[in-house]
Structure formats: C-alpha cells, structure tokens
Amino acid sequence: MYQATKIVIITERTILEGVTRLIEKGGATGYTHVDAGGKGSRGKRSANRPGISGVMSNVKIEAIVSDKATAEAIITAVAETYFRNYSGIAYVEPVEILRPYKFEV
C-alpha cells in the first residue's frame, strides 16, 4: 500500500462543475461525486428530495492526490472561489492506495 491524500468537499450542486474544474486544475487526475444530505449551519438538506431540478441539493466530491500540499492547495482554491457565497466544507485525510500511478500527473 502507498500513502496519498484524499480531498473531501461537500457543497451545493450548483457549483459542482466549477469545483471539479478547480480539482483537476490543481493536479488531481479524477474525482467522484455523489448526492449528499445532512444538516448544518444553513439548515437541513435531503439527498432524496433535492428541490427544483436538483438545484438546491448538495454533493460530496472526493479526489485522491499524491500529497498533502497538493490537497491543501486545491481546497484553498475551492474555498476562496466559492465558500463566501455558497455553503460548503472541505477537509483532507490520509489514505492508503493500491495503485499510486493512478493518482500521479
């Protein structure tokens, strides 16, 4: 197993495309996103009842990068670009991966 860093961003579906662009621009070779629900400072959101055309729903976006510095640069760019006007949280965590060449640029 090899050490890497996972980025997790939970935010509004409205900005999904812009966030994923920043993830790729920052050096990630890919990402995964899924519908997300929960409760936070901006109230409750349901993954099963997304509102009008899914606009008011949340997504959880995950990406794996080779090192913590790259991960921190990506989430900083996302936060500075979007989190003043949209709800969202972001964090990084260490992970062990099987095929490190999948996450190198």
N, C-alpha and C. Protein backbone atom coordinates (compact mmCIF):
# COMPACT_ATOMS: atom_id res chain seq x y z
N MET A 1 0.85 -1.19 0.00
CA MET A 1 0.00 0.00 0.00
C MET A 1 0.89 1.25 0.00
N TYR A 2 0.33 2.33 -0.56
CA TYR A 2 1.07 3.58 -0.70
C TYR A 2 0.28 4.71 -0.06
N GLN A 3 1.00 5.69 0.48
CA GLN A 3 0.39 6.83 1.13
C GLN A 3 -0.07 7.86 0.09
N ALA A 4 -1.24 8.43 0.31
CA ALA A 4 -1.77 9.50 -0.53
C ALA A 4 -2.69 10.36 0.35
N THR A 5 -3.32 11.35 -0.24
CA THR A 5 -4.22 12.24 0.50
C THR A 5 -5.55 12.34 -0.24
N LYS A 6 -6.63 12.18 0.52
CA LYS A 6 -7.98 12.30 -0.05
C LYS A 6 -8.55 13.68 0.28
N ILE A 7 -9.13 14.30 -0.73
CA ILE A 7 -9.85 15.57 -0.58
C ILE A 7 -11.33 15.23 -0.51
N VAL A 8 -12.03 15.84 0.45
CA VAL A 8 -13.48 15.70 0.53
C VAL A 8 -14.08 17.09 0.57
N ILE A 9 -15.00 17.36 -0.35
CA ILE A 9 -15.69 18.65 -0.41
C ILE A 9 -17.18 18.36 -0.47
N ILE A 10 -17.92 18.95 0.46
CA ILE A 10 -19.38 18.84 0.45
C ILE A 10 -19.93 20.23 0.22
N THR A 11 -20.69 20.39 -0.84
CA THR A 11 -21.15 21.72 -1.21
C THR A 11 -22.42 21.64 -2.05
N GLU A 12 -22.84 22.76 -2.56
CA GLU A 12 -24.06 22.84 -3.35
C GLU A 12 -23.84 22.33 -4.77
N ARG A 13 -24.82 21.58 -5.27
CA ARG A 13 -24.73 21.03 -6.62
C ARG A 13 -24.53 22.12 -7.67
N THR A 14 -25.03 23.30 -7.43
CA THR A 14 -24.95 24.41 -8.38
C THR A 14 -23.51 24.70 -8.81
N ILE A 15 -22.55 24.48 -7.92
CA ILE A 15 -21.16 24.82 -8.24
C ILE A 15 -20.30 23.59 -8.53
N LEU A 16 -20.94 22.44 -8.71
CA LEU A 16 -20.21 21.19 -8.94
C LEU A 16 -19.21 21.31 -10.10
N GLU A 17 -19.64 21.83 -11.22
CA GLU A 17 -18.76 21.91 -12.38
C GLU A 17 -17.54 22.79 -12.11
N GLY A 18 -17.76 23.93 -11.47
CA GLY A 18 -16.64 24.82 -11.16
C GLY A 18 -15.67 24.21 -10.15
N VAL A 19 -16.20 23.52 -9.15
CA VAL A 19 -15.35 22.89 -8.15
C VAL A 19 -14.52 21.77 -8.78
N THR A 20 -15.15 20.96 -9.62
CA THR A 20 -14.39 19.87 -10.24
C THR A 20 -13.34 20.40 -11.21
N ARG A 21 -13.61 21.53 -11.83
CA ARG A 21 -12.59 22.16 -12.69
C ARG A 21 -11.37 22.55 -11.86
N LEU A 22 -11.61 23.13 -10.67
CA LEU A 22 -10.50 23.51 -9.80
C LEU A 22 -9.74 22.29 -9.30
N ILE A 23 -10.44 21.21 -9.04
CA ILE A 23 -9.79 19.98 -8.59
C ILE A 23 -8.84 19.47 -9.67
N GLU A 24 -9.31 19.43 -10.90
CA GLU A 24 -8.45 18.96 -11.99
C GLU A 24 -7.31 19.94 -12.28
N LYS A 25 -7.61 21.22 -12.25
CA LYS A 25 -6.58 22.23 -12.48
C LYS A 25 -5.50 22.15 -11.41
N GLY A 26 -5.90 21.76 -10.19
CA GLY A 26 -4.96 21.67 -9.08
C GLY A 26 -4.08 20.44 -9.09
N GLY A 27 -4.36 19.50 -10.00
CA GLY A 27 -3.47 18.36 -10.12
C GLY A 27 -4.08 17.00 -9.87
N ALA A 28 -5.36 16.93 -9.57
CA ALA A 28 -5.99 15.62 -9.39
C ALA A 28 -6.26 15.00 -10.76
N THR A 29 -6.11 13.70 -10.85
CA THR A 29 -6.34 13.02 -12.13
C THR A 29 -7.79 12.62 -12.32
N GLY A 30 -8.61 12.80 -11.30
CA GLY A 30 -10.03 12.48 -11.39
C GLY A 30 -10.72 12.78 -10.08
N TYR A 31 -12.00 12.48 -10.02
CA TYR A 31 -12.80 12.74 -8.82
C TYR A 31 -14.04 11.87 -8.88
N THR A 32 -14.72 11.78 -7.74
CA THR A 32 -16.01 11.11 -7.65
C THR A 32 -16.96 12.04 -6.95
N HIS A 33 -18.22 12.10 -7.41
CA HIS A 33 -19.21 12.88 -6.68
C HIS A 33 -20.49 12.06 -6.52
N VAL A 34 -21.13 12.26 -5.38
CA VAL A 34 -22.38 11.58 -5.05
C VAL A 34 -23.33 12.58 -4.41
N ASP A 35 -24.63 12.30 -4.49
CA ASP A 35 -25.60 13.14 -3.80
C ASP A 35 -25.36 13.07 -2.30
N ALA A 36 -25.60 14.19 -1.62
CA ALA A 36 -25.36 14.24 -0.18
C ALA A 36 -26.52 14.95 0.51
N GLY A 37 -26.83 14.52 1.70
CA GLY A 37 -27.84 15.16 2.53
C GLY A 37 -27.28 15.32 3.93
N GLY A 38 -27.93 16.15 4.71
CA GLY A 38 -27.48 16.34 6.08
C GLY A 38 -27.99 17.64 6.67
N LYS A 39 -27.41 18.02 7.78
CA LYS A 39 -27.82 19.23 8.48
C LYS A 39 -26.58 20.01 8.87
N GLY A 40 -26.64 21.32 8.67
CA GLY A 40 -25.52 22.19 9.03
C GLY A 40 -26.02 23.58 9.35
N SER A 41 -25.11 24.53 9.31
CA SER A 41 -25.44 25.91 9.68
C SER A 41 -26.48 26.55 8.75
N ARG A 42 -26.63 26.02 7.56
CA ARG A 42 -27.62 26.56 6.61
C ARG A 42 -28.88 25.69 6.54
N GLY A 43 -29.09 24.88 7.57
CA GLY A 43 -30.31 24.08 7.65
C GLY A 43 -30.11 22.66 7.19
N LYS A 44 -31.25 21.99 6.98
CA LYS A 44 -31.28 20.58 6.58
C LYS A 44 -31.44 20.47 5.07
N ARG A 45 -30.72 19.51 4.47
CA ARG A 45 -30.88 19.22 3.05
C ARG A 45 -30.99 17.71 2.90
N SER A 46 -31.90 17.30 2.08
CA SER A 46 -32.12 15.88 1.87
C SER A 46 -31.55 15.46 0.52
N ALA A 47 -30.84 14.33 0.52
CA ALA A 47 -30.34 13.79 -0.75
C ALA A 47 -31.48 13.19 -1.56
N ASN A 48 -32.57 12.82 -0.89
CA ASN A 48 -33.71 12.19 -1.57
C ASN A 48 -34.72 13.18 -2.11
N ARG A 49 -34.74 14.38 -1.58
CA ARG A 49 -35.68 15.41 -2.03
C ARG A 49 -34.89 16.66 -2.41
N PRO A 50 -34.27 16.68 -3.59
CA PRO A 50 -33.34 17.72 -3.96
C PRO A 50 -33.91 19.08 -4.31
N GLY A 51 -35.22 19.23 -4.37
CA GLY A 51 -35.76 20.53 -4.73
C GLY A 51 -35.94 20.65 -6.24
N ILE A 52 -36.07 21.84 -6.71
CA ILE A 52 -36.34 22.08 -8.12
C ILE A 52 -35.14 21.66 -8.96
N SER A 53 -35.32 20.62 -9.77
CA SER A 53 -34.29 20.11 -10.69
C SER A 53 -32.96 19.82 -10.02
N GLY A 54 -32.97 19.55 -8.74
CA GLY A 54 -31.73 19.22 -8.05
C GLY A 54 -30.87 20.42 -7.70
N VAL A 55 -31.34 21.62 -8.01
CA VAL A 55 -30.54 22.82 -7.80
C VAL A 55 -30.20 23.04 -6.33
N MET A 56 -31.11 22.75 -5.46
CA MET A 56 -30.89 23.00 -4.04
C MET A 56 -30.28 21.80 -3.31
N SER A 57 -29.81 20.82 -4.04
CA SER A 57 -29.23 19.65 -3.39
C SER A 57 -27.74 19.85 -3.16
N ASN A 58 -27.18 18.99 -2.34
CA ASN A 58 -25.75 19.00 -2.05
C ASN A 58 -25.08 17.82 -2.71
N VAL A 59 -23.79 17.94 -2.90
CA VAL A 59 -22.97 16.85 -3.43
C VAL A 59 -21.74 16.69 -2.55
N LYS A 60 -21.25 15.46 -2.51
CA LYS A 60 -19.99 15.17 -1.86
C LYS A 60 -19.01 14.80 -2.96
N ILE A 61 -17.90 15.51 -3.01
CA ILE A 61 -16.90 15.30 -4.05
C ILE A 61 -15.63 14.80 -3.38
N GLU A 62 -15.07 13.71 -3.91
CA GLU A 62 -13.83 13.17 -3.37
C GLU A 62 -12.81 13.04 -4.49
N ALA A 63 -11.57 13.31 -4.14
CA ALA A 63 -10.46 13.13 -5.08
C ALA A 63 -9.25 12.67 -4.28
N ILE A 64 -8.41 11.90 -4.90
CA ILE A 64 -7.18 11.45 -4.26
C ILE A 64 -6.01 12.06 -5.01
N VAL A 65 -5.09 12.65 -4.24
CA VAL A 65 -3.88 13.23 -4.82
C VAL A 65 -2.68 12.63 -4.11
N SER A 66 -1.51 12.82 -4.70
CA SER A 66 -0.33 12.14 -4.18
C SER A 66 0.20 12.71 -2.86
N ASP A 67 -0.09 14.00 -2.57
CA ASP A 67 0.49 14.57 -1.34
C ASP A 67 -0.43 15.61 -0.70
N LYS A 68 -0.16 15.89 0.56
CA LYS A 68 -0.99 16.82 1.34
C LYS A 68 -0.91 18.25 0.82
N ALA A 69 0.25 18.68 0.37
CA ALA A 69 0.39 20.05 -0.13
C ALA A 69 -0.52 20.30 -1.33
N THR A 70 -0.59 19.33 -2.24
CA THR A 70 -1.48 19.45 -3.39
C THR A 70 -2.93 19.52 -2.94
N ALA A 71 -3.30 18.65 -2.00
CA ALA A 71 -4.67 18.63 -1.48
C ALA A 71 -5.04 19.96 -0.83
N GLU A 72 -4.14 20.50 -0.02
CA GLU A 72 -4.41 21.77 0.65
C GLU A 72 -4.54 22.92 -0.34
N ALA A 73 -3.72 22.91 -1.39
CA ALA A 73 -3.82 23.96 -2.41
C ALA A 73 -5.16 23.89 -3.13
N ILE A 74 -5.64 22.69 -3.41
CA ILE A 74 -6.92 22.54 -4.09
C ILE A 74 -8.07 23.02 -3.21
N ILE A 75 -8.13 22.58 -1.96
CA ILE A 75 -9.27 23.01 -1.13
C ILE A 75 -9.20 24.49 -0.79
N THR A 76 -8.00 25.06 -0.73
CA THR A 76 -7.88 26.50 -0.52
C THR A 76 -8.45 27.25 -1.72
N ALA A 77 -8.13 26.79 -2.92
CA ALA A 77 -8.67 27.43 -4.13
C ALA A 77 -10.18 27.33 -4.17
N VAL A 78 -10.73 26.17 -3.81
CA VAL A 78 -12.18 26.00 -3.80
C VAL A 78 -12.82 26.94 -2.77
N ALA A 79 -12.26 26.96 -1.58
CA ALA A 79 -12.82 27.81 -0.52
C ALA A 79 -12.77 29.28 -0.89
N GLU A 80 -11.64 29.74 -1.42
CA GLU A 80 -11.51 31.15 -1.79
C GLU A 80 -12.42 31.53 -2.95
N THR A 81 -12.66 30.61 -3.85
CA THR A 81 -13.50 30.89 -5.01
C THR A 81 -14.99 30.83 -4.70
N TYR A 82 -15.41 29.89 -3.85
CA TYR A 82 -16.84 29.63 -3.70
C TYR A 82 -17.43 29.79 -2.31
N PHE A 83 -16.69 29.55 -1.25
CA PHE A 83 -17.33 29.42 0.06
C PHE A 83 -17.79 30.73 0.70
N ARG A 84 -17.52 31.85 0.09
CA ARG A 84 -18.09 33.11 0.60
C ARG A 84 -19.55 33.25 0.20
N ASN A 85 -19.90 32.64 -0.95
CA ASN A 85 -21.25 32.79 -1.48
C ASN A 85 -22.07 31.51 -1.51
N TYR A 86 -21.43 30.38 -1.27
CA TYR A 86 -22.11 29.08 -1.29
C TYR A 86 -21.73 28.31 -0.03
N SER A 87 -22.65 27.45 0.41
CA SER A 87 -22.32 26.63 1.57
C SER A 87 -21.34 25.55 1.16
N GLY A 88 -20.53 25.14 2.10
CA GLY A 88 -19.58 24.07 1.80
C GLY A 88 -18.59 23.84 2.92
N ILE A 89 -18.10 22.63 2.96
CA ILE A 89 -16.99 22.28 3.85
C ILE A 89 -15.99 21.49 3.03
N ALA A 90 -14.76 21.51 3.49
CA ALA A 90 -13.71 20.76 2.81
C ALA A 90 -12.72 20.28 3.85
N TYR A 91 -12.22 19.07 3.63
CA TYR A 91 -11.18 18.54 4.51
C TYR A 91 -10.33 17.54 3.75
N VAL A 92 -9.18 17.24 4.32
CA VAL A 92 -8.29 16.25 3.73
C VAL A 92 -8.02 15.18 4.77
N GLU A 93 -7.71 13.99 4.29
CA GLU A 93 -7.36 12.91 5.20
C GLU A 93 -6.36 11.98 4.52
N PRO A 94 -5.46 11.41 5.31
CA PRO A 94 -4.50 10.46 4.72
C PRO A 94 -5.21 9.16 4.35
N VAL A 95 -4.81 8.58 3.25
CA VAL A 95 -5.36 7.30 2.80
C VAL A 95 -4.22 6.42 2.31
N GLU A 96 -4.50 5.14 2.25
CA GLU A 96 -3.56 4.19 1.66
C GLU A 96 -4.18 3.69 0.37
N ILE A 97 -3.40 3.71 -0.69
CA ILE A 97 -3.91 3.34 -2.00
C ILE A 97 -3.12 2.15 -2.57
N LEU A 98 -3.72 1.46 -3.48
CA LEU A 98 -3.11 0.28 -4.06
C LEU A 98 -2.26 0.59 -5.29
N ARG A 99 -2.75 1.47 -6.16
CA ARG A 99 -2.06 1.76 -7.42
C ARG A 99 -1.68 3.24 -7.50
N PRO A 100 -0.50 3.62 -7.00
CA PRO A 100 -0.15 5.04 -6.93
C PRO A 100 -0.05 5.72 -8.29
N TYR A 101 0.26 5.01 -9.34
CA TYR A 101 0.40 5.62 -10.67
C TYR A 101 -0.94 6.17 -11.16
N LYS A 102 -2.06 5.75 -10.61
CA LYS A 102 -3.38 6.26 -11.00
C LYS A 102 -3.58 7.71 -10.53
N PHE A 103 -2.78 8.16 -9.56
CA PHE A 103 -3.00 9.46 -8.94
C PHE A 103 -1.86 10.43 -9.19
N GLU A 104 -0.99 10.11 -10.12
CA GLU A 104 0.13 10.99 -10.45
C GLU A 104 -0.15 11.67 -11.78
N VAL A 105 0.24 12.90 -11.85
CA VAL A 105 0.05 13.67 -13.09
C VAL A 105 1.32 13.62 -13.90
